[in-house]
Amino acid sequence: GSLTLSCTASGRTIRNFDMGWFRQ
């Protein structure tokens, strides 16, 4: 099957940020 995860940031824009997903 399929699933979509979302990550929403607050506090400031993520325009200048590199983003990643990790798992454990």
PDBML (XML) file of the C-alpha atoms, coordinates in Angstrom:
<?xml version="1.0" encoding="UTF-8" ?>
<PDBx:datablock datablockName="MODEL"
   xmlns:PDBx="http://pdbml.pdb.org/schema/pdbx-v50.xsd"
   xmlns:xsi="http://www.w3.org/2001/XMLSchema-instance"
   xsi:schemaLocation="http://pdbml.pdb.org/schema/pdbx-v50.xsd pdbx-v50.xsd">
   <PDBx:atom_siteCategory>
      <PDBx:atom_site id="1">
         <PDBx:B_iso_or_equiv>0.00</PDBx:B_iso_or_equiv>
         <PDBx:Cartn_x>0.000</PDBx:Cartn_x>
         <PDBx:Cartn_y>0.000</PDBx:Cartn_y>
         <PDBx:Cartn_z>0.000</PDBx:Cartn_z>
         <PDBx:auth_asym_id>A</PDBx:auth_asym_id>
         <PDBx:auth_atom_id>CA</PDBx:auth_atom_id>
         <PDBx:auth_comp_id>GLY</PDBx:auth_comp_id>
         <PDBx:auth_seq_id>1</PDBx:auth_seq_id>
         <PDBx:group_PDB>ATOM</PDBx:group_PDB>
         <PDBx:label_alt_id xsi:nil="true" />
         <PDBx:label_asym_id>A</PDBx:label_asym_id>
         <PDBx:label_atom_id>CA</PDBx:label_atom_id>
         <PDBx:label_comp_id>GLY</PDBx:label_comp_id>
         <PDBx:label_entity_id>1</PDBx:label_entity_id>
         <PDBx:label_seq_id>1</PDBx:label_seq_id>
         <PDBx:occupancy>1.00</PDBx:occupancy>
         <PDBx:pdbx_PDB_model_num>1</PDBx:pdbx_PDB_model_num>
         <PDBx:type_symbol>C</PDBx:type_symbol>
      </PDBx:atom_site>
      <PDBx:atom_site id="2">
         <PDBx:B_iso_or_equiv>0.00</PDBx:B_iso_or_equiv>
         <PDBx:Cartn_x>0.793</PDBx:Cartn_x>
         <PDBx:Cartn_y>3.701</PDBx:Cartn_y>
         <PDBx:Cartn_z>0.021</PDBx:Cartn_z>
         <PDBx:auth_asym_id>A</PDBx:auth_asym_id>
         <PDBx:auth_atom_id>CA</PDBx:auth_atom_id>
         <PDBx:auth_comp_id>SER</PDBx:auth_comp_id>
         <PDBx:auth_seq_id>2</PDBx:auth_seq_id>
         <PDBx:group_PDB>ATOM</PDBx:group_PDB>
         <PDBx:label_alt_id xsi:nil="true" />
         <PDBx:label_asym_id>A</PDBx:label_asym_id>
         <PDBx:label_atom_id>CA</PDBx:label_atom_id>
         <PDBx:label_comp_id>SER</PDBx:label_comp_id>
         <PDBx:label_entity_id>1</PDBx:label_entity_id>
         <PDBx:label_seq_id>2</PDBx:label_seq_id>
         <PDBx:occupancy>1.00</PDBx:occupancy>
         <PDBx:pdbx_PDB_model_num>1</PDBx:pdbx_PDB_model_num>
         <PDBx:type_symbol>C</PDBx:type_symbol>
      </PDBx:atom_site>
      <PDBx:atom_site id="3">
         <PDBx:B_iso_or_equiv>0.00</PDBx:B_iso_or_equiv>
         <PDBx:Cartn_x>0.960</PDBx:Cartn_x>
         <PDBx:Cartn_y>6.415</PDBx:Cartn_y>
         <PDBx:Cartn_z>2.633</PDBx:Cartn_z>
         <PDBx:auth_asym_id>A</PDBx:auth_asym_id>
         <PDBx:auth_atom_id>CA</PDBx:auth_atom_id>
         <PDBx:auth_comp_id>LEU</PDBx:auth_comp_id>
         <PDBx:auth_seq_id>3</PDBx:auth_seq_id>
         <PDBx:group_PDB>ATOM</PDBx:group_PDB>
         <PDBx:label_alt_id xsi:nil="true" />
         <PDBx:label_asym_id>A</PDBx:label_asym_id>
         <PDBx:label_atom_id>CA</PDBx:label_atom_id>
         <PDBx:label_comp_id>LEU</PDBx:label_comp_id>
         <PDBx:label_entity_id>1</PDBx:label_entity_id>
         <PDBx:label_seq_id>3</PDBx:label_seq_id>
         <PDBx:occupancy>1.00</PDBx:occupancy>
         <PDBx:pdbx_PDB_model_num>1</PDBx:pdbx_PDB_model_num>
         <PDBx:type_symbol>C</PDBx:type_symbol>
      </PDBx:atom_site>
      <PDBx:atom_site id="4">
         <PDBx:B_iso_or_equiv>0.00</PDBx:B_iso_or_equiv>
         <PDBx:Cartn_x>1.900</PDBx:Cartn_x>
         <PDBx:Cartn_y>10.095</PDBx:Cartn_y>
         <PDBx:Cartn_z>2.563</PDBx:Cartn_z>
         <PDBx:auth_asym_id>A</PDBx:auth_asym_id>
         <PDBx:auth_atom_id>CA</PDBx:auth_atom_id>
         <PDBx:auth_comp_id>THR</PDBx:auth_comp_id>
         <PDBx:auth_seq_id>4</PDBx:auth_seq_id>
         <PDBx:group_PDB>ATOM</PDBx:group_PDB>
         <PDBx:label_alt_id xsi:nil="true" />
         <PDBx:label_asym_id>A</PDBx:label_asym_id>
         <PDBx:label_atom_id>CA</PDBx:label_atom_id>
         <PDBx:label_comp_id>THR</PDBx:label_comp_id>
         <PDBx:label_entity_id>1</PDBx:label_entity_id>
         <PDBx:label_seq_id>4</PDBx:label_seq_id>
         <PDBx:occupancy>1.00</PDBx:occupancy>
         <PDBx:pdbx_PDB_model_num>1</PDBx:pdbx_PDB_model_num>
         <PDBx:type_symbol>C</PDBx:type_symbol>
      </PDBx:atom_site>
      <PDBx:atom_site id="5">
         <PDBx:B_iso_or_equiv>0.00</PDBx:B_iso_or_equiv>
         <PDBx:Cartn_x>3.532</PDBx:Cartn_x>
         <PDBx:Cartn_y>11.819</PDBx:Cartn_y>
         <PDBx:Cartn_z>5.514</PDBx:Cartn_z>
         <PDBx:auth_asym_id>A</PDBx:auth_asym_id>
         <PDBx:auth_atom_id>CA</PDBx:auth_atom_id>
         <PDBx:auth_comp_id>LEU</PDBx:auth_comp_id>
         <PDBx:auth_seq_id>5</PDBx:auth_seq_id>
         <PDBx:group_PDB>ATOM</PDBx:group_PDB>
         <PDBx:label_alt_id xsi:nil="true" />
         <PDBx:label_asym_id>A</PDBx:label_asym_id>
         <PDBx:label_atom_id>CA</PDBx:label_atom_id>
         <PDBx:label_comp_id>LEU</PDBx:label_comp_id>
         <PDBx:label_entity_id>1</PDBx:label_entity_id>
         <PDBx:label_seq_id>5</PDBx:label_seq_id>
         <PDBx:occupancy>1.00</PDBx:occupancy>
         <PDBx:pdbx_PDB_model_num>1</PDBx:pdbx_PDB_model_num>
         <PDBx:type_symbol>C</PDBx:type_symbol>
      </PDBx:atom_site>
      <PDBx:atom_site id="6">
         <PDBx:B_iso_or_equiv>0.00</PDBx:B_iso_or_equiv>
         <PDBx:Cartn_x>3.468</PDBx:Cartn_x>
         <PDBx:Cartn_y>15.577</PDBx:Cartn_y>
         <PDBx:Cartn_z>6.007</PDBx:Cartn_z>
         <PDBx:auth_asym_id>A</PDBx:auth_asym_id>
         <PDBx:auth_atom_id>CA</PDBx:auth_atom_id>
         <PDBx:auth_comp_id>SER</PDBx:auth_comp_id>
         <PDBx:auth_seq_id>6</PDBx:auth_seq_id>
         <PDBx:group_PDB>ATOM</PDBx:group_PDB>
         <PDBx:label_alt_id xsi:nil="true" />
         <PDBx:label_asym_id>A</PDBx:label_asym_id>
         <PDBx:label_atom_id>CA</PDBx:label_atom_id>
         <PDBx:label_comp_id>SER</PDBx:label_comp_id>
         <PDBx:label_entity_id>1</PDBx:label_entity_id>
         <PDBx:label_seq_id>6</PDBx:label_seq_id>
         <PDBx:occupancy>1.00</PDBx:occupancy>
         <PDBx:pdbx_PDB_model_num>1</PDBx:pdbx_PDB_model_num>
         <PDBx:type_symbol>C</PDBx:type_symbol>
      </PDBx:atom_site>
      <PDBx:atom_site id="7">
         <PDBx:B_iso_or_equiv>0.00</PDBx:B_iso_or_equiv>
         <PDBx:Cartn_x>5.715</PDBx:Cartn_x>
         <PDBx:Cartn_y>17.793</PDBx:Cartn_y>
         <PDBx:Cartn_z>8.089</PDBx:Cartn_z>
         <PDBx:auth_asym_id>A</PDBx:auth_asym_id>
         <PDBx:auth_atom_id>CA</PDBx:auth_atom_id>
         <PDBx:auth_comp_id>CYS</PDBx:auth_comp_id>
         <PDBx:auth_seq_id>7</PDBx:auth_seq_id>
         <PDBx:group_PDB>ATOM</PDBx:group_PDB>
         <PDBx:label_alt_id xsi:nil="true" />
         <PDBx:label_asym_id>A</PDBx:label_asym_id>
         <PDBx:label_atom_id>CA</PDBx:label_atom_id>
         <PDBx:label_comp_id>CYS</PDBx:label_comp_id>
         <PDBx:label_entity_id>1</PDBx:label_entity_id>
         <PDBx:label_seq_id>7</PDBx:label_seq_id>
         <PDBx:occupancy>1.00</PDBx:occupancy>
         <PDBx:pdbx_PDB_model_num>1</PDBx:pdbx_PDB_model_num>
         <PDBx:type_symbol>C</PDBx:type_symbol>
      </PDBx:atom_site>
      <PDBx:atom_site id="8">
         <PDBx:B_iso_or_equiv>0.00</PDBx:B_iso_or_equiv>
         <PDBx:Cartn_x>4.584</PDBx:Cartn_x>
         <PDBx:Cartn_y>21.346</PDBx:Cartn_y>
         <PDBx:Cartn_z>8.739</PDBx:Cartn_z>
         <PDBx:auth_asym_id>A</PDBx:auth_asym_id>
         <PDBx:auth_atom_id>CA</PDBx:auth_atom_id>
         <PDBx:auth_comp_id>THR</PDBx:auth_comp_id>
         <PDBx:auth_seq_id>8</PDBx:auth_seq_id>
         <PDBx:group_PDB>ATOM</PDBx:group_PDB>
         <PDBx:label_alt_id xsi:nil="true" />
         <PDBx:label_asym_id>A</PDBx:label_asym_id>
         <PDBx:label_atom_id>CA</PDBx:label_atom_id>
         <PDBx:label_comp_id>THR</PDBx:label_comp_id>
         <PDBx:label_entity_id>1</PDBx:label_entity_id>
         <PDBx:label_seq_id>8</PDBx:label_seq_id>
         <PDBx:occupancy>1.00</PDBx:occupancy>
         <PDBx:pdbx_PDB_model_num>1</PDBx:pdbx_PDB_model_num>
         <PDBx:type_symbol>C</PDBx:type_symbol>
      </PDBx:atom_site>
      <PDBx:atom_site id="9">
         <PDBx:B_iso_or_equiv>0.00</PDBx:B_iso_or_equiv>
         <PDBx:Cartn_x>6.920</PDBx:Cartn_x>
         <PDBx:Cartn_y>23.929</PDBx:Cartn_y>
         <PDBx:Cartn_z>10.224</PDBx:Cartn_z>
         <PDBx:auth_asym_id>A</PDBx:auth_asym_id>
         <PDBx:auth_atom_id>CA</PDBx:auth_atom_id>
         <PDBx:auth_comp_id>ALA</PDBx:auth_comp_id>
         <PDBx:auth_seq_id>9</PDBx:auth_seq_id>
         <PDBx:group_PDB>ATOM</PDBx:group_PDB>
         <PDBx:label_alt_id xsi:nil="true" />
         <PDBx:label_asym_id>A</PDBx:label_asym_id>
         <PDBx:label_atom_id>CA</PDBx:label_atom_id>
         <PDBx:label_comp_id>ALA</PDBx:label_comp_id>
         <PDBx:label_entity_id>1</PDBx:label_entity_id>
         <PDBx:label_seq_id>9</PDBx:label_seq_id>
         <PDBx:occupancy>1.00</PDBx:occupancy>
         <PDBx:pdbx_PDB_model_num>1</PDBx:pdbx_PDB_model_num>
         <PDBx:type_symbol>C</PDBx:type_symbol>
      </PDBx:atom_site>
      <PDBx:atom_site id="10">
         <PDBx:B_iso_or_equiv>0.00</PDBx:B_iso_or_equiv>
         <PDBx:Cartn_x>6.000</PDBx:Cartn_x>
         <PDBx:Cartn_y>26.893</PDBx:Cartn_y>
         <PDBx:Cartn_z>12.363</PDBx:Cartn_z>
         <PDBx:auth_asym_id>A</PDBx:auth_asym_id>
         <PDBx:auth_atom_id>CA</PDBx:auth_atom_id>
         <PDBx:auth_comp_id>SER</PDBx:auth_comp_id>
         <PDBx:auth_seq_id>10</PDBx:auth_seq_id>
         <PDBx:group_PDB>ATOM</PDBx:group_PDB>
         <PDBx:label_alt_id xsi:nil="true" />
         <PDBx:label_asym_id>A</PDBx:label_asym_id>
         <PDBx:label_atom_id>CA</PDBx:label_atom_id>
         <PDBx:label_comp_id>SER</PDBx:label_comp_id>
         <PDBx:label_entity_id>1</PDBx:label_entity_id>
         <PDBx:label_seq_id>10</PDBx:label_seq_id>
         <PDBx:occupancy>1.00</PDBx:occupancy>
         <PDBx:pdbx_PDB_model_num>1</PDBx:pdbx_PDB_model_num>
         <PDBx:type_symbol>C</PDBx:type_symbol>
      </PDBx:atom_site>
      <PDBx:atom_site id="11">
         <PDBx:B_iso_or_equiv>0.00</PDBx:B_iso_or_equiv>
         <PDBx:Cartn_x>7.956</PDBx:Cartn_x>
         <PDBx:Cartn_y>29.735</PDBx:Cartn_y>
         <PDBx:Cartn_z>13.901</PDBx:Cartn_z>
         <PDBx:auth_asym_id>A</PDBx:auth_asym_id>
         <PDBx:auth_atom_id>CA</PDBx:auth_atom_id>
         <PDBx:auth_comp_id>GLY</PDBx:auth_comp_id>
         <PDBx:auth_seq_id>11</PDBx:auth_seq_id>
         <PDBx:group_PDB>ATOM</PDBx:group_PDB>
         <PDBx:label_alt_id xsi:nil="true" />
         <PDBx:label_asym_id>A</PDBx:label_asym_id>
         <PDBx:label_atom_id>CA</PDBx:label_atom_id>
         <PDBx:label_comp_id>GLY</PDBx:label_comp_id>
         <PDBx:label_entity_id>1</PDBx:label_entity_id>
         <PDBx:label_seq_id>11</PDBx:label_seq_id>
         <PDBx:occupancy>1.00</PDBx:occupancy>
         <PDBx:pdbx_PDB_model_num>1</PDBx:pdbx_PDB_model_num>
         <PDBx:type_symbol>C</PDBx:type_symbol>
      </PDBx:atom_site>
      <PDBx:atom_site id="12">
         <PDBx:B_iso_or_equiv>0.00</PDBx:B_iso_or_equiv>
         <PDBx:Cartn_x>9.705</PDBx:Cartn_x>
         <PDBx:Cartn_y>30.766</PDBx:Cartn_y>
         <PDBx:Cartn_z>10.704</PDBx:Cartn_z>
         <PDBx:auth_asym_id>A</PDBx:auth_asym_id>
         <PDBx:auth_atom_id>CA</PDBx:auth_atom_id>
         <PDBx:auth_comp_id>ARG</PDBx:auth_comp_id>
         <PDBx:auth_seq_id>12</PDBx:auth_seq_id>
         <PDBx:group_PDB>ATOM</PDBx:group_PDB>
         <PDBx:label_alt_id xsi:nil="true" />
         <PDBx:label_asym_id>A</PDBx:label_asym_id>
         <PDBx:label_atom_id>CA</PDBx:label_atom_id>
         <PDBx:label_comp_id>ARG</PDBx:label_comp_id>
         <PDBx:label_entity_id>1</PDBx:label_entity_id>
         <PDBx:label_seq_id>12</PDBx:label_seq_id>
         <PDBx:occupancy>1.00</PDBx:occupancy>
         <PDBx:pdbx_PDB_model_num>1</PDBx:pdbx_PDB_model_num>
         <PDBx:type_symbol>C</PDBx:type_symbol>
      </PDBx:atom_site>
      <PDBx:atom_site id="13">
         <PDBx:B_iso_or_equiv>0.00</PDBx:B_iso_or_equiv>
         <PDBx:Cartn_x>9.833</PDBx:Cartn_x>
         <PDBx:Cartn_y>29.988</PDBx:Cartn_y>
         <PDBx:Cartn_z>7.004</PDBx:Cartn_z>
         <PDBx:auth_asym_id>A</PDBx:auth_asym_id>
         <PDBx:auth_atom_id>CA</PDBx:auth_atom_id>
         <PDBx:auth_comp_id>THR</PDBx:auth_comp_id>
         <PDBx:auth_seq_id>13</PDBx:auth_seq_id>
         <PDBx:group_PDB>ATOM</PDBx:group_PDB>
         <PDBx:label_alt_id xsi:nil="true" />
         <PDBx:label_asym_id>A</PDBx:label_asym_id>
         <PDBx:label_atom_id>CA</PDBx:label_atom_id>
         <PDBx:label_comp_id>THR</PDBx:label_comp_id>
         <PDBx:label_entity_id>1</PDBx:label_entity_id>
         <PDBx:label_seq_id>13</PDBx:label_seq_id>
         <PDBx:occupancy>1.00</PDBx:occupancy>
         <PDBx:pdbx_PDB_model_num>1</PDBx:pdbx_PDB_model_num>
         <PDBx:type_symbol>C</PDBx:type_symbol>
      </PDBx:atom_site>
      <PDBx:atom_site id="14">
         <PDBx:B_iso_or_equiv>0.00</PDBx:B_iso_or_equiv>
         <PDBx:Cartn_x>11.714</PDBx:Cartn_x>
         <PDBx:Cartn_y>26.888</PDBx:Cartn_y>
         <PDBx:Cartn_z>5.855</PDBx:Cartn_z>
         <PDBx:auth_asym_id>A</PDBx:auth_asym_id>
         <PDBx:auth_atom_id>CA</PDBx:auth_atom_id>
         <PDBx:auth_comp_id>ILE</PDBx:auth_comp_id>
         <PDBx:auth_seq_id>14</PDBx:auth_seq_id>
         <PDBx:group_PDB>ATOM</PDBx:group_PDB>
         <PDBx:label_alt_id xsi:nil="true" />
         <PDBx:label_asym_id>A</PDBx:label_asym_id>
         <PDBx:label_atom_id>CA</PDBx:label_atom_id>
         <PDBx:label_comp_id>ILE</PDBx:label_comp_id>
         <PDBx:label_entity_id>1</PDBx:label_entity_id>
         <PDBx:label_seq_id>14</PDBx:label_seq_id>
         <PDBx:occupancy>1.00</PDBx:occupancy>
         <PDBx:pdbx_PDB_model_num>1</PDBx:pdbx_PDB_model_num>
         <PDBx:type_symbol>C</PDBx:type_symbol>
      </PDBx:atom_site>
      <PDBx:atom_site id="15">
         <PDBx:B_iso_or_equiv>0.00</PDBx:B_iso_or_equiv>
         <PDBx:Cartn_x>12.648</PDBx:Cartn_x>
         <PDBx:Cartn_y>28.549</PDBx:Cartn_y>
         <PDBx:Cartn_z>2.568</PDBx:Cartn_z>
         <PDBx:auth_asym_id>A</PDBx:auth_asym_id>
         <PDBx:auth_atom_id>CA</PDBx:auth_atom_id>
         <PDBx:auth_comp_id>ARG</PDBx:auth_comp_id>
         <PDBx:auth_seq_id>15</PDBx:auth_seq_id>
         <PDBx:group_PDB>ATOM</PDBx:group_PDB>
         <PDBx:label_alt_id xsi:nil="true" />
         <PDBx:label_asym_id>A</PDBx:label_asym_id>
         <PDBx:label_atom_id>CA</PDBx:label_atom_id>
         <PDBx:label_comp_id>ARG</PDBx:label_comp_id>
         <PDBx:label_entity_id>1</PDBx:label_entity_id>
         <PDBx:label_seq_id>15</PDBx:label_seq_id>
         <PDBx:occupancy>1.00</PDBx:occupancy>
         <PDBx:pdbx_PDB_model_num>1</PDBx:pdbx_PDB_model_num>
         <PDBx:type_symbol>C</PDBx:type_symbol>
      </PDBx:atom_site>
      <PDBx:atom_site id="16">
         <PDBx:B_iso_or_equiv>0.00</PDBx:B_iso_or_equiv>
         <PDBx:Cartn_x>16.343</PDBx:Cartn_x>
         <PDBx:Cartn_y>28.504</PDBx:Cartn_y>
         <PDBx:Cartn_z>3.485</PDBx:Cartn_z>
         <PDBx:auth_asym_id>A</PDBx:auth_asym_id>
         <PDBx:auth_atom_id>CA</PDBx:auth_atom_id>
         <PDBx:auth_comp_id>ASN</PDBx:auth_comp_id>
         <PDBx:auth_seq_id>16</PDBx:auth_seq_id>
         <PDBx:group_PDB>ATOM</PDBx:group_PDB>
         <PDBx:label_alt_id xsi:nil="true" />
         <PDBx:label_asym_id>A</PDBx:label_asym_id>
         <PDBx:label_atom_id>CA</PDBx:label_atom_id>
         <PDBx:label_comp_id>ASN</PDBx:label_comp_id>
         <PDBx:label_entity_id>1</PDBx:label_entity_id>
         <PDBx:label_seq_id>16</PDBx:label_seq_id>
         <PDBx:occupancy>1.00</PDBx:occupancy>
         <PDBx:pdbx_PDB_model_num>1</PDBx:pdbx_PDB_model_num>
         <PDBx:type_symbol>C</PDBx:type_symbol>
      </PDBx:atom_site>
      <PDBx:atom_site id="17">
         <PDBx:B_iso_or_equiv>0.00</PDBx:B_iso_or_equiv>
         <PDBx:Cartn_x>16.329</PDBx:Cartn_x>
         <PDBx:Cartn_y>25.099</PDBx:Cartn_y>
         <PDBx:Cartn_z>5.200</PDBx:Cartn_z>
         <PDBx:auth_asym_id>A</PDBx:auth_asym_id>
         <PDBx:auth_atom_id>CA</PDBx:auth_atom_id>
         <PDBx:auth_comp_id>PHE</PDBx:auth_comp_id>
         <PDBx:auth_seq_id>17</PDBx:auth_seq_id>
         <PDBx:group_PDB>ATOM</PDBx:group_PDB>
         <PDBx:label_alt_id xsi:nil="true" />
         <PDBx:label_asym_id>A</PDBx:label_asym_id>
         <PDBx:label_atom_id>CA</PDBx:label_atom_id>
         <PDBx:label_comp_id>PHE</PDBx:label_comp_id>
         <PDBx:label_entity_id>1</PDBx:label_entity_id>
         <PDBx:label_seq_id>17</PDBx:label_seq_id>
         <PDBx:occupancy>1.00</PDBx:occupancy>
         <PDBx:pdbx_PDB_model_num>1</PDBx:pdbx_PDB_model_num>
         <PDBx:type_symbol>C</PDBx:type_symbol>
      </PDBx:atom_site>
      <PDBx:atom_site id="18">
         <PDBx:B_iso_or_equiv>0.00</PDBx:B_iso_or_equiv>
         <PDBx:Cartn_x>17.345</PDBx:Cartn_x>
         <PDBx:Cartn_y>21.690</PDBx:Cartn_y>
         <PDBx:Cartn_z>3.976</PDBx:Cartn_z>
         <PDBx:auth_asym_id>A</PDBx:auth_asym_id>
         <PDBx:auth_atom_id>CA</PDBx:auth_atom_id>
         <PDBx:auth_comp_id>ASP</PDBx:auth_comp_id>
         <PDBx:auth_seq_id>18</PDBx:auth_seq_id>
         <PDBx:group_PDB>ATOM</PDBx:group_PDB>
         <PDBx:label_alt_id xsi:nil="true" />
         <PDBx:label_asym_id>A</PDBx:label_asym_id>
         <PDBx:label_atom_id>CA</PDBx:label_atom_id>
         <PDBx:label_comp_id>ASP</PDBx:label_comp_id>
         <PDBx:label_entity_id>1</PDBx:label_entity_id>
         <PDBx:label_seq_id>18</PDBx:label_seq_id>
         <PDBx:occupancy>1.00</PDBx:occupancy>
         <PDBx:pdbx_PDB_model_num>1</PDBx:pdbx_PDB_model_num>
         <PDBx:type_symbol>C</PDBx:type_symbol>
      </PDBx:atom_site>
      <PDBx:atom_site id="19">
         <PDBx:B_iso_or_equiv>0.00</PDBx:B_iso_or_equiv>
         <PDBx:Cartn_x>14.757</PDBx:Cartn_x>
         <PDBx:Cartn_y>19.113</PDBx:Cartn_y>
         <PDBx:Cartn_z>5.060</PDBx:Cartn_z>
         <PDBx:auth_asym_id>A</PDBx:auth_asym_id>
         <PDBx:auth_atom_id>CA</PDBx:auth_atom_id>
         <PDBx:auth_comp_id>MET</PDBx:auth_comp_id>
         <PDBx:auth_seq_id>19</PDBx:auth_seq_id>
         <PDBx:group_PDB>ATOM</PDBx:group_PDB>
         <PDBx:label_alt_id xsi:nil="true" />
         <PDBx:label_asym_id>A</PDBx:label_asym_id>
         <PDBx:label_atom_id>CA</PDBx:label_atom_id>
         <PDBx:label_comp_id>MET</PDBx:label_comp_id>
         <PDBx:label_entity_id>1</PDBx:label_entity_id>
         <PDBx:label_seq_id>19</PDBx:label_seq_id>
         <PDBx:occupancy>1.00</PDBx:occupancy>
         <PDBx:pdbx_PDB_model_num>1</PDBx:pdbx_PDB_model_num>
         <PDBx:type_symbol>C</PDBx:type_symbol>
      </PDBx:atom_site>
      <PDBx:atom_site id="20">
         <PDBx:B_iso_or_equiv>0.00</PDBx:B_iso_or_equiv>
         <PDBx:Cartn_x>14.999</PDBx:Cartn_x>
         <PDBx:Cartn_y>15.415</PDBx:Cartn_y>
         <PDBx:Cartn_z>5.768</PDBx:Cartn_z>
         <PDBx:auth_asym_id>A</PDBx:auth_asym_id>
         <PDBx:auth_atom_id>CA</PDBx:auth_atom_id>
         <PDBx:auth_comp_id>GLY</PDBx:auth_comp_id>
         <PDBx:auth_seq_id>20</PDBx:auth_seq_id>
         <PDBx:group_PDB>ATOM</PDBx:group_PDB>
         <PDBx:label_alt_id xsi:nil="true" />
         <PDBx:label_asym_id>A</PDBx:label_asym_id>
         <PDBx:label_atom_id>CA</PDBx:label_atom_id>
         <PDBx:label_comp_id>GLY</PDBx:label_comp_id>
         <PDBx:label_entity_id>1</PDBx:label_entity_id>
         <PDBx:label_seq_id>20</PDBx:label_seq_id>
         <PDBx:occupancy>1.00</PDBx:occupancy>
         <PDBx:pdbx_PDB_model_num>1</PDBx:pdbx_PDB_model_num>
         <PDBx:type_symbol>C</PDBx:type_symbol>
      </PDBx:atom_site>
      <PDBx:atom_site id="21">
         <PDBx:B_iso_or_equiv>0.00</PDBx:B_iso_or_equiv>
         <PDBx:Cartn_x>13.104</PDBx:Cartn_x>
         <PDBx:Cartn_y>12.338</PDBx:Cartn_y>
         <PDBx:Cartn_z>6.876</PDBx:Cartn_z>
         <PDBx:auth_asym_id>A</PDBx:auth_asym_id>
         <PDBx:auth_atom_id>CA</PDBx:auth_atom_id>
         <PDBx:auth_comp_id>TRP</PDBx:auth_comp_id>
         <PDBx:auth_seq_id>21</PDBx:auth_seq_id>
         <PDBx:group_PDB>ATOM</PDBx:group_PDB>
         <PDBx:label_alt_id xsi:nil="true" />
         <PDBx:label_asym_id>A</PDBx:label_asym_id>
         <PDBx:label_atom_id>CA</PDBx:label_atom_id>
         <PDBx:label_comp_id>TRP</PDBx:label_comp_id>
         <PDBx:label_entity_id>1</PDBx:label_entity_id>
         <PDBx:label_seq_id>21</PDBx:label_seq_id>
         <PDBx:occupancy>1.00</PDBx:occupancy>
         <PDBx:pdbx_PDB_model_num>1</PDBx:pdbx_PDB_model_num>
         <PDBx:type_symbol>C</PDBx:type_symbol>
      </PDBx:atom_site>
      <PDBx:atom_site id="22">
         <PDBx:B_iso_or_equiv>0.00</PDBx:B_iso_or_equiv>
         <PDBx:Cartn_x>14.543</PDBx:Cartn_x>
         <PDBx:Cartn_y>9.759</PDBx:Cartn_y>
         <PDBx:Cartn_z>9.255</PDBx:Cartn_z>
         <PDBx:auth_asym_id>A</PDBx:auth_asym_id>
         <PDBx:auth_atom_id>CA</PDBx:auth_atom_id>
         <PDBx:auth_comp_id>PHE</PDBx:auth_comp_id>
         <PDBx:auth_seq_id>22</PDBx:auth_seq_id>
         <PDBx:group_PDB>ATOM</PDBx:group_PDB>
         <PDBx:label_alt_id xsi:nil="true" />
         <PDBx:label_asym_id>A</PDBx:label_asym_id>
         <PDBx:label_atom_id>CA</PDBx:label_atom_id>
         <PDBx:label_comp_id>PHE</PDBx:label_comp_id>
         <PDBx:label_entity_id>1</PDBx:label_entity_id>
         <PDBx:label_seq_id>22</PDBx:label_seq_id>
         <PDBx:occupancy>1.00</PDBx:occupancy>
         <PDBx:pdbx_PDB_model_num>1</PDBx:pdbx_PDB_model_num>
         <PDBx:type_symbol>C</PDBx:type_symbol>
      </PDBx:atom_site>
      <PDBx:atom_site id="23">
         <PDBx:B_iso_or_equiv>0.00</PDBx:B_iso_or_equiv>
         <PDBx:Cartn_x>13.061</PDBx:Cartn_x>
         <PDBx:Cartn_y>6.671</PDBx:Cartn_y>
         <PDBx:Cartn_z>10.859</PDBx:Cartn_z>
         <PDBx:auth_asym_id>A</PDBx:auth_asym_id>
         <PDBx:auth_atom_id>CA</PDBx:auth_atom_id>
         <PDBx:auth_comp_id>ARG</PDBx:auth_comp_id>
         <PDBx:auth_seq_id>23</PDBx:auth_seq_id>
         <PDBx:group_PDB>ATOM</PDBx:group_PDB>
         <PDBx:label_alt_id xsi:nil="true" />
         <PDBx:label_asym_id>A</PDBx:label_asym_id>
         <PDBx:label_atom_id>CA</PDBx:label_atom_id>
         <PDBx:label_comp_id>ARG</PDBx:label_comp_id>
         <PDBx:label_entity_id>1</PDBx:label_entity_id>
         <PDBx:label_seq_id>23</PDBx:label_seq_id>
         <PDBx:occupancy>1.00</PDBx:occupancy>
         <PDBx:pdbx_PDB_model_num>1</PDBx:pdbx_PDB_model_num>
         <PDBx:type_symbol>C</PDBx:type_symbol>
      </PDBx:atom_site>
      <PDBx:atom_site id="24">
         <PDBx:B_iso_or_equiv>0.00</PDBx:B_iso_or_equiv>
         <PDBx:Cartn_x>13.685</PDBx:Cartn_x>
         <PDBx:Cartn_y>4.484</PDBx:Cartn_y>
         <PDBx:Cartn_z>13.883</PDBx:Cartn_z>
         <PDBx:auth_asym_id>A</PDBx:auth_asym_id>
         <PDBx:auth_atom_id>CA</PDBx:auth_atom_id>
         <PDBx:auth_comp_id>GLN</PDBx:auth_comp_id>
         <PDBx:auth_seq_id>24</PDBx:auth_seq_id>
         <PDBx:group_PDB>ATOM</PDBx:group_PDB>
         <PDBx:label_alt_id xsi:nil="true" />
         <PDBx:label_asym_id>A</PDBx:label_asym_id>
         <PDBx:label_atom_id>CA</PDBx:label_atom_id>
         <PDBx:label_comp_id>GLN</PDBx:label_comp_id>
         <PDBx:label_entity_id>1</PDBx:label_entity_id>
         <PDBx:label_seq_id>24</PDBx:label_seq_id>
         <PDBx:occupancy>1.00</PDBx:occupancy>
         <PDBx:pdbx_PDB_model_num>1</PDBx:pdbx_PDB_model_num>
         <PDBx:type_symbol>C</PDBx:type_symbol>
      </PDBx:atom_site>
   </PDBx:atom_siteCategory>
</PDBx:datablock>
